């Protein structure tokens, strides 16, 4: 029979994140996979409670699960395993989509004494690694955020418009601008401004579908192309991105800063040029600014 040390070695070397909690949801174990995925070390986490909201799990609508709909609580309540998709808060501030699996922990008498959670990253980036290497060669990546840059998105936009006119495969274009970004730079310095840009970029790139594209357009602006959408799906994607960015945080050392986006978007029309579609999305983004910021304005193509 393998010893407890062998089991611990196995858990430590599993690629996925794993942690144990007791009945009060106090974290009693945190493996190296959890450290790697979240950025939090075992020393920072073990002994704290899930209700301390360390990872601040939210769903796609922004509902905070750690205080209202915790999968671990549900598993300990009915004794059944549970699987769900959530967005955890990385130590660096961005949102990260993970697939969570929870199971009850039982003692020798079969009584529930806690629960275990295993989580793995849902990453669209794995399918983009070859593209990333090619983009580096062609200088089509933004050096700060690692996203495709404006030049790359403009080329992709032209090809999508040609496909729309040729075969009718439509897409939507989003323009996204960080609200009050100048204040981040003026009040906290350009290092914090760069941190905010990176947090937004990581949240966006981690939360899109594998065939979508987001880029850093320039300054505090981002743009995205989203194929195979109708206006309802397109609006849902834009709203999800808005919510997830709004639930990201920049830990500056002098306080926690929240970030929001004003988003405008339009479905492409066969008669569109790249310039006309970009101008329309940009105009709709400014409409979101005028109407209060941290909102989505979509116009049907």
Protein backbone atom coordinates (compact mmCIF):
# COMPACT_ATOMS: atom_id res chain seq x y z
CA UNK A 1 0.00 0.00 0.00
CA UNK A 2 1.58 3.35 -1.03
CA UNK A 3 2.46 5.72 1.80
CA UNK A 4 0.89 9.13 2.35
CA UNK A 5 4.09 10.79 1.12
CA UNK A 6 3.72 9.04 -2.24
CA UNK A 7 0.14 10.27 -2.58
CA UNK A 8 1.29 13.81 -1.73
CA UNK A 9 4.04 13.61 -4.36
CA UNK A 10 1.45 12.56 -6.94
CA UNK A 11 -0.85 15.45 -6.04
CA UNK A 12 2.02 17.94 -6.13
CA UNK A 13 3.00 16.91 -9.65
CA UNK A 14 -0.46 16.92 -11.21
CA UNK A 15 -0.71 19.67 -13.83
CA UNK A 16 -4.20 20.77 -12.69
CA UNK A 17 -4.83 22.85 -9.59
CA UNK A 18 -6.04 20.89 -6.55
CA UNK A 19 -7.03 22.08 -3.09
CA UNK A 20 -8.80 20.60 -0.06
CA UNK A 21 -11.18 22.32 2.34
CA UNK A 22 -12.71 21.27 5.64
CA UNK A 23 -16.42 21.61 6.52
CA UNK A 24 -15.97 25.34 7.21
CA UNK A 25 -14.34 25.75 3.78
CA UNK A 26 -10.95 26.42 5.36
CA UNK A 27 -8.25 25.57 2.82
CA UNK A 28 -6.06 22.77 4.17
CA UNK A 29 -4.01 21.85 1.09
CA UNK A 30 -2.94 23.72 -2.06
CA UNK A 31 -0.83 21.95 -4.70
CA UNK A 32 1.82 23.29 -7.07
CA UNK A 33 -0.66 23.21 -9.97
CA UNK A 34 -2.90 25.60 -8.03
CA UNK A 35 0.11 27.86 -7.40
CA UNK A 36 1.01 27.89 -11.08
CA UNK A 37 -2.52 28.58 -12.37
CA UNK A 38 -3.53 31.23 -9.83
CA UNK A 39 -0.24 32.90 -8.91
CA UNK A 40 -0.93 32.35 -5.19
CA UNK A 41 1.53 30.25 -3.18
CA UNK A 42 0.44 27.63 -0.65
CA UNK A 43 1.82 29.86 2.12
CA UNK A 44 -0.54 32.66 1.06
CA UNK A 45 -3.62 30.45 0.88
CA UNK A 46 -3.52 27.50 3.32
CA UNK A 47 -5.40 28.31 6.52
CA UNK A 48 -7.65 30.93 4.89
CA UNK A 49 -11.31 30.41 4.06
CA UNK A 50 -13.00 30.30 0.66
CA UNK A 51 -15.32 32.98 2.02
CA UNK A 52 -12.27 35.28 2.25
CA UNK A 53 -12.76 35.49 -1.52
CA UNK A 54 -9.12 34.90 -2.44
CA UNK A 55 -9.90 33.67 -5.94
CA UNK A 56 -13.17 35.64 -6.14
CA UNK A 57 -14.83 33.10 -8.44
CA UNK A 58 -17.51 34.59 -10.67
CA UNK A 59 -19.68 33.13 -13.39
CA UNK A 60 -20.09 34.62 -16.88
CA UNK A 61 -22.69 37.05 -15.53
CA UNK A 62 -20.39 38.34 -12.80
CA UNK A 63 -22.17 36.56 -9.92
CA UNK A 64 -19.68 36.07 -7.05
CA UNK A 65 -19.81 32.33 -6.34
CA UNK A 66 -17.61 32.24 -3.23
CA UNK A 67 -20.32 34.01 -1.22
CA UNK A 68 -23.49 32.77 -2.89
CA UNK A 69 -23.24 29.65 -5.06
CA UNK A 70 -19.99 27.92 -4.11
CA UNK A 71 -19.53 24.54 -5.86
CA UNK A 72 -17.71 23.20 -2.78
CA UNK A 73 -20.65 24.10 -0.53
CA UNK A 74 -23.05 22.37 -2.93
CA UNK A 75 -20.90 19.24 -3.00
CA UNK A 76 -20.63 19.07 0.79
CA UNK A 77 -24.36 19.72 1.06
CA UNK A 78 -25.63 16.82 -1.05
CA UNK A 79 -22.51 14.67 -1.30
CA UNK A 80 -22.52 14.73 -5.11
CA UNK A 81 -19.60 15.62 -7.39
CA UNK A 82 -20.05 18.81 -9.41
CA UNK A 83 -18.54 20.20 -12.61
CA UNK A 84 -18.87 23.79 -13.79
CA UNK A 85 -17.10 26.60 -15.60
CA UNK A 86 -16.07 29.64 -13.54
CA UNK A 87 -13.73 32.60 -13.85
CA UNK A 88 -11.15 32.88 -11.09
CA UNK A 89 -9.20 35.97 -10.08
CA UNK A 90 -5.48 35.57 -10.81
CA UNK A 91 -3.05 37.18 -8.37
CA UNK A 92 -1.91 39.55 -11.15
CA UNK A 93 -5.47 40.85 -11.47
CA UNK A 94 -6.93 39.34 -14.62
CA UNK A 95 -9.81 36.90 -14.97
CA UNK A 96 -9.05 33.32 -16.01
CA UNK A 97 -11.66 30.77 -17.18
CA UNK A 98 -11.30 27.39 -15.44
CA UNK A 99 -13.19 24.12 -15.47
CA UNK A 100 -13.94 23.16 -11.86
CA UNK A 101 -14.63 19.65 -10.53
CA UNK A 102 -15.55 19.15 -6.88
CA UNK A 103 -15.98 15.96 -4.81
CA UNK A 104 -16.74 15.33 -1.12
CA UNK A 105 -14.06 14.08 1.28
CA UNK A 106 -15.25 11.39 3.71
CA UNK A 107 -13.82 9.81 6.83
CA UNK A 108 -13.69 6.08 7.59
CA UNK A 109 -17.34 6.15 8.71
CA UNK A 110 -18.50 7.74 5.47
CA UNK A 111 -19.21 11.15 7.00
CA UNK A 112 -18.39 14.20 4.89
CA UNK A 113 -15.43 16.05 6.43
CA UNK A 114 -14.74 18.46 3.60
CA UNK A 115 -14.30 18.59 -0.13
CA UNK A 116 -11.66 18.66 -2.84
CA UNK A 117 -11.65 20.94 -5.88
CA UNK A 118 -9.66 20.29 -9.06
CA UNK A 119 -9.49 23.03 -11.67
CA UNK A 120 -7.88 23.38 -15.09
CA UNK A 121 -7.50 26.33 -17.42
CA UNK A 122 -9.89 26.62 -20.35
CA UNK A 123 -7.42 28.13 -22.78
CA UNK A 124 -7.96 29.36 -26.31
CA UNK A 125 -4.26 30.17 -26.38
CA UNK A 126 -3.12 26.58 -26.82
CA UNK A 127 -4.56 26.54 -30.34
CA UNK A 128 -2.86 29.86 -31.06
CA UNK A 129 0.74 28.96 -30.19
CA UNK A 130 1.81 28.40 -33.79
CA UNK A 131 0.13 31.65 -34.81
CA UNK A 132 1.90 33.46 -31.97
CA UNK A 133 5.32 32.30 -33.13
CA UNK A 134 4.55 33.41 -36.67
CA UNK A 135 3.26 36.76 -35.46
CA UNK A 136 6.49 37.33 -33.56
CA UNK A 137 8.46 36.74 -36.74
CA UNK A 138 6.31 39.21 -38.65
CA UNK A 139 6.31 41.83 -35.87
CA UNK A 140 2.54 41.64 -35.61
CA UNK A 141 2.37 41.33 -31.83
CA UNK A 142 1.95 44.17 -29.36
CA UNK A 143 5.09 43.98 -27.17
CA UNK A 144 3.37 45.00 -23.92
CA UNK A 145 0.23 42.83 -23.95
CA UNK A 146 1.28 39.99 -26.25
CA UNK A 147 -1.91 40.47 -28.30
CA UNK A 148 -1.98 40.85 -32.08
CA UNK A 149 -1.45 44.48 -32.97
CA UNK A 150 -3.43 46.86 -35.16
CA UNK A 151 -1.56 45.90 -38.31
CA UNK A 152 -2.47 42.25 -37.91
CA UNK A 153 -6.16 42.91 -37.19
CA UNK A 154 -6.44 45.21 -40.23
CA UNK A 155 -5.14 42.44 -42.47
CA UNK A 156 -7.50 39.89 -40.91
CA UNK A 157 -10.42 42.33 -41.22
CA UNK A 158 -9.86 42.67 -44.98
CA UNK A 159 -9.84 38.88 -45.40
CA UNK A 160 -13.05 38.50 -43.35
CA UNK A 161 -14.81 41.13 -45.48
CA UNK A 162 -13.75 39.34 -48.65
CA UNK A 163 -15.13 36.07 -47.25
CA UNK A 164 -18.39 37.80 -46.30
CA UNK A 165 -18.88 39.09 -49.85
CA UNK A 166 -17.79 35.79 -51.41
CA UNK A 167 -19.62 33.23 -49.27
CA UNK A 168 -21.86 35.15 -46.87
CA UNK A 169 -19.94 34.16 -43.69
CA UNK A 170 -20.61 37.09 -41.40
CA UNK A 171 -18.84 38.51 -38.37
CA UNK A 172 -18.99 41.32 -35.86
CA UNK A 173 -16.41 43.95 -34.96
CA UNK A 174 -16.03 45.31 -31.41
CA UNK A 175 -14.21 48.48 -30.41
CA UNK A 176 -13.30 48.61 -26.70
CA UNK A 177 -11.83 51.53 -24.76
CA UNK A 178 -10.66 51.54 -21.13
CA UNK A 179 -12.67 54.09 -19.16
CA UNK A 180 -10.76 56.99 -17.55
CA UNK A 181 -7.43 55.47 -18.57
CA UNK A 182 -5.66 58.84 -18.49
CA UNK A 183 -6.40 59.00 -14.76
CA UNK A 184 -4.53 55.74 -14.16
CA UNK A 185 -1.42 57.22 -15.78
CA UNK A 186 -1.77 60.68 -14.24
CA UNK A 187 -2.53 59.51 -10.68
CA UNK A 188 -0.54 56.29 -10.42
CA UNK A 189 2.13 56.48 -13.14
CA UNK A 190 2.75 54.68 -16.40
CA UNK A 191 3.79 51.43 -14.71
CA UNK A 192 0.29 51.09 -13.26
CA UNK A 193 -1.15 52.11 -16.63
CA UNK A 194 0.81 49.29 -18.26
CA UNK A 195 -0.42 46.87 -15.58
CA UNK A 196 -4.02 47.88 -16.32
CA UNK A 197 -3.49 47.34 -20.05
CA UNK A 198 -2.03 43.89 -19.40
CA UNK A 199 -4.89 42.88 -17.09
CA UNK A 200 -7.48 43.89 -19.67
CA UNK A 201 -5.58 42.11 -22.46
CA UNK A 202 -5.26 38.88 -20.45
CA UNK A 203 -8.93 38.90 -19.47
CA UNK A 204 -10.06 39.48 -23.06
CA UNK A 205 -7.76 36.90 -24.65
CA UNK A 206 -8.64 34.26 -22.05
CA UNK A 207 -12.38 34.75 -22.48
CA UNK A 208 -12.93 34.58 -26.25
CA UNK A 209 -13.75 31.59 -28.42
CA UNK A 210 -10.89 29.80 -30.19
CA UNK A 211 -11.78 31.32 -33.59
CA UNK A 212 -12.25 34.90 -32.32
CA UNK A 213 -9.49 37.51 -32.36
CA UNK A 214 -8.80 40.47 -30.10
CA UNK A 215 -5.98 42.95 -30.61
CA UNK A 216 -4.53 46.00 -28.98
CA UNK A 217 -5.60 48.71 -31.40
CA UNK A 218 -3.44 51.37 -29.79
CA UNK A 219 -3.18 53.30 -26.52
CA UNK A 220 -6.02 52.15 -24.29
CA UNK A 221 -8.13 50.81 -27.18
CA UNK A 222 -8.74 47.18 -28.10
CA UNK A 223 -10.62 45.70 -31.05
CA UNK A 224 -12.02 42.26 -31.75
CA UNK A 225 -13.41 40.24 -34.66
CA UNK A 226 -16.05 37.61 -33.85
CA UNK A 227 -17.15 35.31 -36.72
CA UNK A 228 -20.37 33.29 -36.95
CA UNK A 229 -22.57 35.53 -34.79
CA UNK A 230 -26.03 37.03 -35.05
CA UNK A 231 -26.83 40.23 -33.22
CA UNK A 232 -28.00 38.40 -30.08
CA UNK A 233 -24.90 36.20 -29.78
CA UNK A 234 -22.67 39.17 -30.62
CA UNK A 235 -24.24 41.30 -27.90
CA UNK A 236 -23.87 38.43 -25.42
CA UNK A 237 -20.15 38.10 -26.18
CA UNK A 238 -19.60 41.84 -25.79
CA UNK A 239 -21.52 41.94 -22.52
CA UNK A 240 -19.58 38.96 -21.13
CA UNK A 241 -16.27 40.66 -21.92
CA UNK A 242 -17.48 43.89 -20.29
CA UNK A 243 -18.54 42.06 -17.13
CA UNK A 244 -15.34 40.04 -16.80
CA UNK A 245 -13.11 43.08 -17.21
CA UNK A 246 -15.24 44.98 -14.67
CA UNK A 247 -14.61 42.15 -12.19
CA UNK A 248 -10.84 42.22 -12.72
CA UNK A 249 -8.58 44.12 -10.34
CA UNK A 250 -5.19 45.83 -10.41
CA UNK A 251 -3.32 45.40 -7.12
CA UNK A 252 -1.05 48.42 -7.12
CA UNK A 253 0.51 48.29 -3.66
CA UNK A 254 -1.33 51.51 -2.82
CA UNK A 255 -4.80 50.10 -3.27
CA UNK A 256 -6.94 47.96 -5.53
CA UNK A 257 -8.09 49.56 -8.78
CA UNK A 258 -11.06 48.40 -10.82
CA UNK A 259 -11.17 48.70 -14.58
CA UNK A 260 -14.13 49.09 -16.94
CA UNK A 261 -14.62 49.16 -20.70
CA UNK A 262 -16.87 51.15 -22.99
CA UNK A 263 -17.70 48.89 -25.94
CA UNK A 264 -19.24 49.53 -29.33
CA UNK A 265 -19.82 47.01 -32.05
CA UNK A 266 -21.51 46.30 -35.35
CA UNK A 267 -22.15 43.33 -37.58
CA UNK A 268 -20.38 43.65 -40.93
CA UNK A 269 -22.35 44.36 -44.12
CA UNK A 270 -21.37 43.07 -47.57
CA UNK A 271 -21.03 46.65 -48.80
CA UNK A 272 -18.73 47.62 -45.93
CA UNK A 273 -15.13 48.62 -46.39
CA UNK A 274 -12.72 48.14 -43.54
CA UNK A 275 -12.82 51.89 -42.94
CA UNK A 276 -16.63 52.13 -42.83
CA UNK A 277 -16.97 49.20 -40.40
CA UNK A 278 -14.22 50.53 -38.14
CA UNK A 279 -15.77 54.00 -38.12
CA UNK A 280 -19.18 52.59 -37.22
CA UNK A 281 -17.84 50.50 -34.33
CA UNK A 282 -15.79 53.46 -33.10
CA UNK A 283 -18.86 55.71 -33.18
CA UNK A 284 -20.86 53.17 -31.18
CA UNK A 285 -18.06 52.88 -28.63
CA UNK A 286 -18.20 56.64 -28.10
CA UNK A 287 -21.97 56.33 -27.67
CA UNK A 288 -21.24 54.01 -24.73
CA UNK A 289 -18.90 56.67 -23.33
CA UNK A 290 -21.49 59.40 -23.65
CA UNK A 291 -24.20 57.26 -22.05
CA UNK A 292 -22.26 56.58 -18.86
CA UNK A 293 -19.32 54.26 -19.70
CA UNK A 294 -18.94 50.60 -18.63
CA UNK A 295 -21.59 49.61 -21.15
CA UNK A 296 -22.13 47.97 -24.54
CA UNK A 297 -23.73 49.62 -27.58
CA UNK A 298 -24.39 47.27 -30.53
CA UNK A 299 -25.84 48.14 -33.91
CA UNK A 300 -27.14 45.41 -36.18
CA UNK A 301 -25.36 45.18 -39.52
